[in-house]
Amino acid sequence: MTRPLILLDTDMDSDCDDAGALAVAVALQRQGVASLAGVICSISEPACAWYAKAALEEYGVEAPVGSLQLPEWQSSAVYEGYRSHRERAKAGGTLYNEIVGGEWRERNPGVEFPEGVALYRQLLADAAAGSITICAIGTLTALARLLDSGPDEISPLNGRDLVAAKVVSLVTMAEGWFPEGADVFNWRMDLGATARVLRDWPTTVVVSPWGREVCVGERFMAEAPADHPVARAYRIHLGTRATTRSSWDQLAYLIAALGEDAPFRQFPGNELTFDGATGQHRWQTGGGRFVHLEPTESNDELARQVEDLMIESL
């Protein structure tokens, strides 16, 4: 059986569970469960790509990294919510991607990263039909721009047709709870992009809201070398506030990699409507392409499984 190919779409920036998801990805790749085909940084902050590359190099994993480039990132009202969140996060100290990624950049001053949507198109164009799973653990900005992309020298297909041809499913980490509610971050940070993706994505969409009470990090930090990039991400992000952090993103990656073998019961065949003005969503059962989930294990057991994989990555 061919193991899944996963594209990780991440805002590797203001929370350390993105870094934790990278550790889980490496462990599952070493097990032969799923391959990390690439990393796309979904916000226009260069330090995200710098950090992702630093961590991948530490792990000895060859996977391309792309960085979304938005000329309007610092000025558009669309991204004001994310910019404000980022500034609040920095108020407690420098972000881990700026520290660890900045050190990598100093060692590699001439390295440039491919633009995120262009890398998406290239990786999808090179992939076999129906072979890619996308795991989006940040905003849906890059995915919306992928859908909007036109034919080019990479592929004669527009973005939506390219996705339809090469992607088997999208796993989006957001608190898109069944039967209704409003996500507080990933979907909310770019409402227009979220509305576009949830409305027009042509394949199965799995919504993964779980992880707030599945807390990890203490065992991993105790096992990891002091200079390990993922351990440093946890130490920098947590500071003196806590010894563990929620694992939303690690669970989303588990679901993307393991599918029905993940410790979650899947409920397929639903519709999901999303209001791009308010951020409110509502599920409707029957006849759709959306999947909602319920865990089959306790929070403590899920945390043990996640942290075991993180430690295995070392």
Protein backbone atom coordinates (compact mmCIF):
# COMPACT_ATOMS: atom_id res chain seq x y z
CA MET A 1 0.00 0.00 0.00
CA THR A 2 1.32 3.47 -0.94
CA ARG A 3 1.77 5.64 2.11
CA PRO A 4 0.05 9.04 2.12
CA LEU A 5 1.88 12.17 0.99
CA ILE A 6 1.15 15.11 3.26
CA LEU A 7 1.55 18.80 2.50
CA LEU A 8 1.70 20.70 5.78
CA ASP A 9 0.19 24.20 5.55
CA THR A 10 1.17 26.10 8.68
CA ASP A 11 1.47 29.49 10.35
CA MET A 12 4.64 28.36 12.14
CA ASP A 13 4.69 31.47 14.24
CA SER A 14 2.84 32.35 17.43
CA ASP A 15 2.10 28.92 18.95
CA CYS A 16 4.40 25.97 19.50
CA ASP A 17 1.94 23.22 18.50
CA ASP A 18 2.85 23.91 14.86
CA ALA A 19 6.42 22.91 15.74
CA GLY A 20 5.02 19.90 17.59
CA ALA A 21 3.15 18.87 14.45
CA LEU A 22 6.43 18.90 12.55
CA ALA A 23 7.88 16.49 15.15
CA VAL A 24 4.87 14.18 14.73
CA ALA A 25 5.30 14.34 10.95
CA VAL A 26 8.93 13.28 11.22
CA ALA A 27 8.13 10.38 13.55
CA LEU A 28 5.38 9.07 11.25
CA GLN A 29 7.66 9.41 8.23
CA ARG A 30 10.35 7.35 9.96
CA GLN A 31 7.73 4.72 10.78
CA GLY A 32 6.78 4.54 7.10
CA VAL A 33 3.24 5.67 7.86
CA ALA A 34 3.13 8.92 5.84
CA SER A 35 5.62 11.10 4.01
CA LEU A 36 5.98 14.84 4.49
CA ALA A 37 5.97 16.10 0.90
CA GLY A 38 6.44 19.77 1.71
CA VAL A 39 5.74 22.66 4.08
CA ILE A 40 3.88 25.81 3.04
CA CYS A 41 4.00 28.80 5.39
CA SER A 42 0.57 30.41 5.14
CA ILE A 43 1.39 33.85 6.54
CA SER A 44 3.73 36.40 5.02
CA GLU A 45 6.35 36.31 7.76
CA PRO A 46 9.79 35.08 6.57
CA ALA A 47 10.70 33.71 10.01
CA CYS A 48 8.09 30.96 9.58
CA ALA A 49 10.02 29.46 6.68
CA TRP A 50 13.35 30.03 8.39
CA TYR A 51 12.19 28.10 11.44
CA ALA A 52 10.62 25.26 9.42
CA LYS A 53 13.86 24.81 7.48
CA ALA A 54 15.95 24.88 10.67
CA ALA A 55 13.81 22.13 12.22
CA LEU A 56 13.80 19.98 9.06
CA GLU A 57 17.57 20.25 8.77
CA GLU A 58 17.95 19.18 12.41
CA TYR A 59 15.82 16.13 11.62
CA GLY A 60 17.69 15.40 8.39
CA VAL A 61 14.44 15.56 6.42
CA GLU A 62 14.53 16.76 2.82
CA ALA A 63 11.22 18.52 2.20
CA PRO A 64 10.73 21.79 0.30
CA VAL A 65 9.52 24.84 2.20
CA GLY A 66 7.47 27.61 0.60
CA SER A 67 6.63 31.03 1.98
CA LEU A 68 3.44 32.90 1.10
CA GLN A 69 4.32 36.38 -0.15
CA LEU A 70 1.64 39.02 0.28
CA PRO A 71 2.69 42.58 -0.58
CA GLU A 72 -0.30 43.86 1.37
CA TRP A 73 0.47 41.84 4.52
CA GLN A 74 1.52 44.82 6.63
CA SER A 75 -1.14 47.23 5.37
CA SER A 76 -4.37 45.38 4.54
CA ALA A 77 -7.22 45.39 7.05
CA VAL A 78 -7.78 41.74 6.11
CA TYR A 79 -4.70 40.73 8.10
CA GLU A 80 -5.03 43.24 10.93
CA GLY A 81 -6.35 40.57 13.30
CA TYR A 82 -3.34 38.36 12.76
CA ARG A 83 -0.89 41.24 12.98
CA SER A 84 -2.45 42.36 16.28
CA HIS A 85 -2.37 38.81 17.64
CA ARG A 86 1.27 38.52 16.67
CA GLU A 87 2.19 41.77 18.40
CA ARG A 88 0.43 40.63 21.57
CA ALA A 89 2.34 37.35 21.44
CA LYS A 90 5.61 39.25 21.05
CA ALA A 91 4.83 41.42 24.05
CA GLY A 92 5.88 38.52 26.27
CA GLY A 93 9.19 38.04 24.42
CA THR A 94 10.51 37.29 20.95
CA LEU A 95 8.69 34.58 19.02
CA TYR A 96 10.42 31.22 18.68
CA ASN A 97 10.47 31.39 14.89
CA GLU A 98 12.32 34.71 15.04
CA ILE A 99 14.90 33.38 17.50
CA VAL A 100 15.54 29.89 16.10
CA GLY A 101 14.72 30.83 12.53
CA GLY A 102 16.77 34.00 12.79
CA GLU A 103 19.81 31.99 13.82
CA TRP A 104 19.30 29.72 10.80
CA ARG A 105 19.03 32.78 8.56
CA GLU A 106 22.31 34.16 9.87
CA ARG A 107 23.98 30.86 8.93
CA ASN A 108 22.28 30.79 5.51
CA PRO A 109 22.04 34.43 4.38
CA GLY A 110 21.68 33.72 0.67
CA VAL A 111 18.89 31.15 0.78
CA GLU A 112 15.55 32.17 -0.69
CA PHE A 113 12.32 30.21 -0.42
CA PRO A 114 9.89 29.60 -3.26
CA GLU A 115 6.64 31.54 -3.14
CA GLY A 116 4.02 29.46 -1.35
CA VAL A 117 1.34 29.21 -4.04
CA ALA A 118 3.96 28.50 -6.72
CA LEU A 119 5.36 25.68 -4.59
CA TYR A 120 1.85 24.33 -4.03
CA ARG A 121 1.26 24.26 -7.78
CA GLN A 122 4.62 22.61 -8.47
CA LEU A 123 4.19 19.89 -5.85
CA LEU A 124 0.65 19.15 -6.98
CA ALA A 125 1.62 19.13 -10.65
CA ASP A 126 4.41 16.65 -9.92
CA ALA A 127 2.20 14.35 -7.82
CA ALA A 128 0.22 11.34 -8.95
CA ALA A 129 -3.54 11.71 -9.27
CA GLY A 130 -5.34 11.62 -5.91
CA SER A 131 -2.11 11.14 -3.93
CA ILE A 132 -1.92 14.28 -1.77
CA THR A 133 -3.50 15.09 1.58
CA ILE A 134 -3.23 18.70 2.72
CA CYS A 135 -3.08 19.34 6.46
CA ALA A 136 -3.83 23.01 7.15
CA ILE A 137 -2.99 23.97 10.73
CA GLY A 138 -3.05 27.74 10.24
CA THR A 139 -5.05 30.23 8.24
CA LEU A 140 -6.57 29.21 4.90
CA THR A 141 -5.02 32.15 3.08
CA ALA A 142 -2.59 30.14 0.96
CA LEU A 143 -5.26 27.61 0.03
CA ALA A 144 -7.65 30.32 -1.14
CA ARG A 145 -4.92 31.77 -3.31
CA LEU A 146 -4.15 28.32 -4.64
CA LEU A 147 -7.78 27.93 -5.69
CA ASP A 148 -7.66 31.34 -7.36
CA SER A 149 -4.43 30.62 -9.27
CA GLY A 150 -4.59 30.36 -13.04
CA PRO A 151 -2.85 28.13 -15.57
CA ASP A 152 0.86 28.83 -15.90
CA GLU A 153 4.16 27.30 -16.94
CA ILE A 154 3.88 24.84 -14.06
CA SER A 155 0.51 23.39 -15.06
CA PRO A 156 -2.17 24.10 -17.67
CA LEU A 157 -4.79 23.57 -14.94
CA ASN A 158 -6.22 26.34 -12.81
CA GLY A 159 -5.88 25.96 -9.06
CA ARG A 160 -9.24 24.38 -8.39
CA ASP A 161 -8.83 21.82 -11.16
CA LEU A 162 -5.30 21.04 -10.01
CA VAL A 163 -6.57 20.40 -6.48
CA ALA A 164 -9.40 18.23 -7.80
CA ALA A 165 -6.94 16.15 -9.80
CA LYS A 166 -4.23 15.62 -7.19
CA VAL A 167 -5.69 16.05 -3.68
CA VAL A 168 -7.64 13.31 -1.94
CA SER A 169 -8.62 15.35 1.13
CA LEU A 170 -8.04 18.51 3.12
CA VAL A 171 -7.74 18.40 6.91
CA THR A 172 -8.30 21.85 8.40
CA MET A 173 -7.54 22.46 12.06
CA ALA A 174 -10.09 24.92 13.41
CA GLU A 175 -12.61 24.92 16.20
CA GLY A 176 -15.36 24.22 13.72
CA TRP A 177 -17.47 22.39 16.25
CA PHE A 178 -20.51 20.32 15.30
CA PRO A 179 -23.33 21.32 14.98
CA GLU A 180 -22.53 25.07 14.96
CA GLY A 181 -20.27 27.73 16.36
CA ALA A 182 -17.45 30.11 15.48
CA ASP A 183 -13.74 29.33 15.34
CA VAL A 184 -11.60 31.68 17.39
CA PHE A 185 -8.41 31.75 15.34
CA ASN A 186 -7.43 29.81 12.21
CA TRP A 187 -10.65 30.40 10.26
CA ARG A 188 -11.23 33.82 11.83
CA MET A 189 -7.84 35.29 10.90
CA ASP A 190 -8.84 35.48 7.21
CA LEU A 191 -12.61 35.21 6.92
CA GLY A 192 -12.68 35.78 3.19
CA ALA A 193 -10.15 33.04 2.50
CA THR A 194 -11.99 30.66 4.80
CA ALA A 195 -15.30 31.33 3.07
CA ARG A 196 -13.69 30.75 -0.33
CA VAL A 197 -12.05 27.46 0.66
CA LEU A 198 -15.00 26.00 2.56
CA ARG A 199 -17.38 26.93 -0.25
CA ASP A 200 -15.31 25.87 -3.26
CA TRP A 201 -12.84 23.18 -2.19
CA PRO A 202 -13.49 20.26 -4.57
CA THR A 203 -12.49 17.29 -2.38
CA THR A 204 -13.38 15.88 1.03
CA VAL A 205 -12.78 18.34 3.90
CA VAL A 206 -12.12 16.99 7.40
CA VAL A 207 -12.54 19.51 10.22
CA SER A 208 -10.36 18.84 13.28
CA PRO A 209 -11.29 20.98 16.31
CA TRP A 210 -9.81 18.74 19.01
CA GLY A 211 -6.71 19.38 21.12
CA ARG A 212 -7.34 22.19 23.59
CA GLU A 213 -7.40 19.76 26.53
CA VAL A 214 -4.79 17.38 25.06
CA CYS A 215 -1.70 18.92 26.60
CA VAL A 216 1.91 17.88 25.89
CA GLY A 217 5.45 19.14 26.14
CA GLU A 218 6.88 18.40 29.56
CA ARG A 219 8.10 14.87 28.75
CA PHE A 220 9.32 15.95 25.33
CA MET A 221 11.34 18.86 26.70
CA ALA A 222 12.87 16.59 29.35
CA GLU A 223 13.99 14.11 26.66
CA ALA A 224 15.11 16.54 23.97
CA PRO A 225 18.57 18.12 23.72
CA ALA A 226 18.57 21.69 24.96
CA ASP A 227 19.34 23.06 21.51
CA HIS A 228 16.73 21.03 19.59
CA PRO A 229 14.60 23.43 17.49
CA VAL A 230 11.25 21.93 18.54
CA ALA A 231 12.18 21.80 22.21
CA ARG A 232 13.36 25.40 21.96
CA ALA A 233 10.04 26.37 20.38
CA TYR A 234 8.20 24.96 23.41
CA ARG A 235 10.57 26.51 25.94
CA ILE A 236 10.46 29.93 24.29
CA HIS A 237 6.70 29.91 23.80
CA LEU A 238 5.84 28.63 27.28
CA GLY A 239 8.48 30.58 29.17
CA THR A 240 7.66 30.35 32.85
CA ARG A 241 3.89 30.21 32.28
CA ALA A 242 3.41 26.46 31.91
CA THR A 243 5.10 23.15 31.18
CA THR A 244 2.62 21.89 28.60
CA ARG A 245 0.66 23.21 25.64
CA SER A 246 -2.48 22.13 23.79
CA SER A 247 -1.94 19.86 20.78
CA TRP A 248 -4.50 20.94 18.18
CA ASP A 249 -1.99 20.75 15.34
CA GLN A 250 -0.43 17.42 16.22
CA LEU A 251 -3.87 15.78 16.27
CA ALA A 252 -4.76 17.30 12.92
CA TYR A 253 -1.59 15.83 11.44
CA LEU A 254 -2.38 12.43 12.96
CA ILE A 255 -5.79 12.55 11.29
CA ALA A 256 -4.27 13.54 7.95
CA ALA A 257 -1.66 10.80 8.10
CA LEU A 258 -3.69 7.95 9.61
CA GLY A 259 -7.14 8.63 8.18
CA GLU A 260 -9.66 6.16 9.56
CA ASP A 261 -6.88 4.54 11.65
CA ALA A 262 -6.53 7.74 13.69
CA PRO A 263 -8.05 7.64 17.20
CA PHE A 264 -11.18 9.45 15.99
CA ARG A 265 -14.54 8.31 14.70
CA GLN A 266 -15.35 9.97 11.39
CA PHE A 267 -18.80 11.24 10.41
CA PRO A 268 -18.70 11.89 6.64
CA GLY A 269 -21.32 13.18 4.26
CA ASN A 270 -22.13 16.57 5.78
CA GLU A 271 -22.53 20.10 4.50
CA LEU A 272 -20.91 23.03 6.26
CA THR A 273 -21.98 26.61 5.73
CA PHE A 274 -19.68 29.45 6.75
CA ASP A 275 -20.58 33.13 7.03
CA GLY A 276 -17.63 35.15 5.80
CA ALA A 277 -18.92 38.27 7.53
CA THR A 278 -19.40 36.89 11.04
CA GLY A 279 -17.26 33.73 11.11
CA GLN A 280 -20.24 31.66 12.21
CA HIS A 281 -20.57 28.13 10.84
CA ARG A 282 -23.31 25.53 10.80
CA TRP A 283 -23.23 21.82 9.98
CA GLN A 284 -26.01 20.02 8.14
CA THR A 285 -26.10 16.24 7.91
CA GLY A 286 -26.52 14.41 4.65
CA GLY A 287 -25.16 14.68 1.15
CA GLY A 288 -22.02 16.77 1.58
CA ARG A 289 -18.24 16.48 1.43
CA PHE A 290 -17.45 17.54 5.02
CA VAL A 291 -16.37 15.20 7.82
CA HIS A 292 -16.67 15.90 11.53
CA LEU A 293 -14.90 13.88 14.20
CA GLU A 294 -15.21 12.53 17.69
CA PRO A 295 -12.25 11.08 19.63
CA THR A 296 -12.26 7.41 20.54
CA GLU A 297 -9.67 7.89 23.31
CA SER A 298 -9.46 10.03 26.44
CA ASN A 299 -7.58 13.32 26.44
CA ASP A 300 -4.82 11.73 28.55
CA GLU A 301 -4.42 8.85 26.09
CA LEU A 302 -4.36 11.18 23.11
CA ALA A 303 -1.71 13.27 24.86
CA ARG A 304 0.37 10.16 25.54
CA GLN A 305 0.21 9.11 21.87
CA VAL A 306 1.12 12.58 20.63
CA GLU A 307 4.01 13.07 23.02
CA ASP A 308 5.35 9.57 22.38
CA LEU A 309 5.58 10.44 18.69
CA MET A 310 7.26 13.76 19.44
CA ILE A 311 9.86 11.99 21.57
CA GLU A 312 10.31 9.34 18.87
CA SER A 313 11.26 12.11 16.44
CA LEU A 314 14.38 12.99 18.44
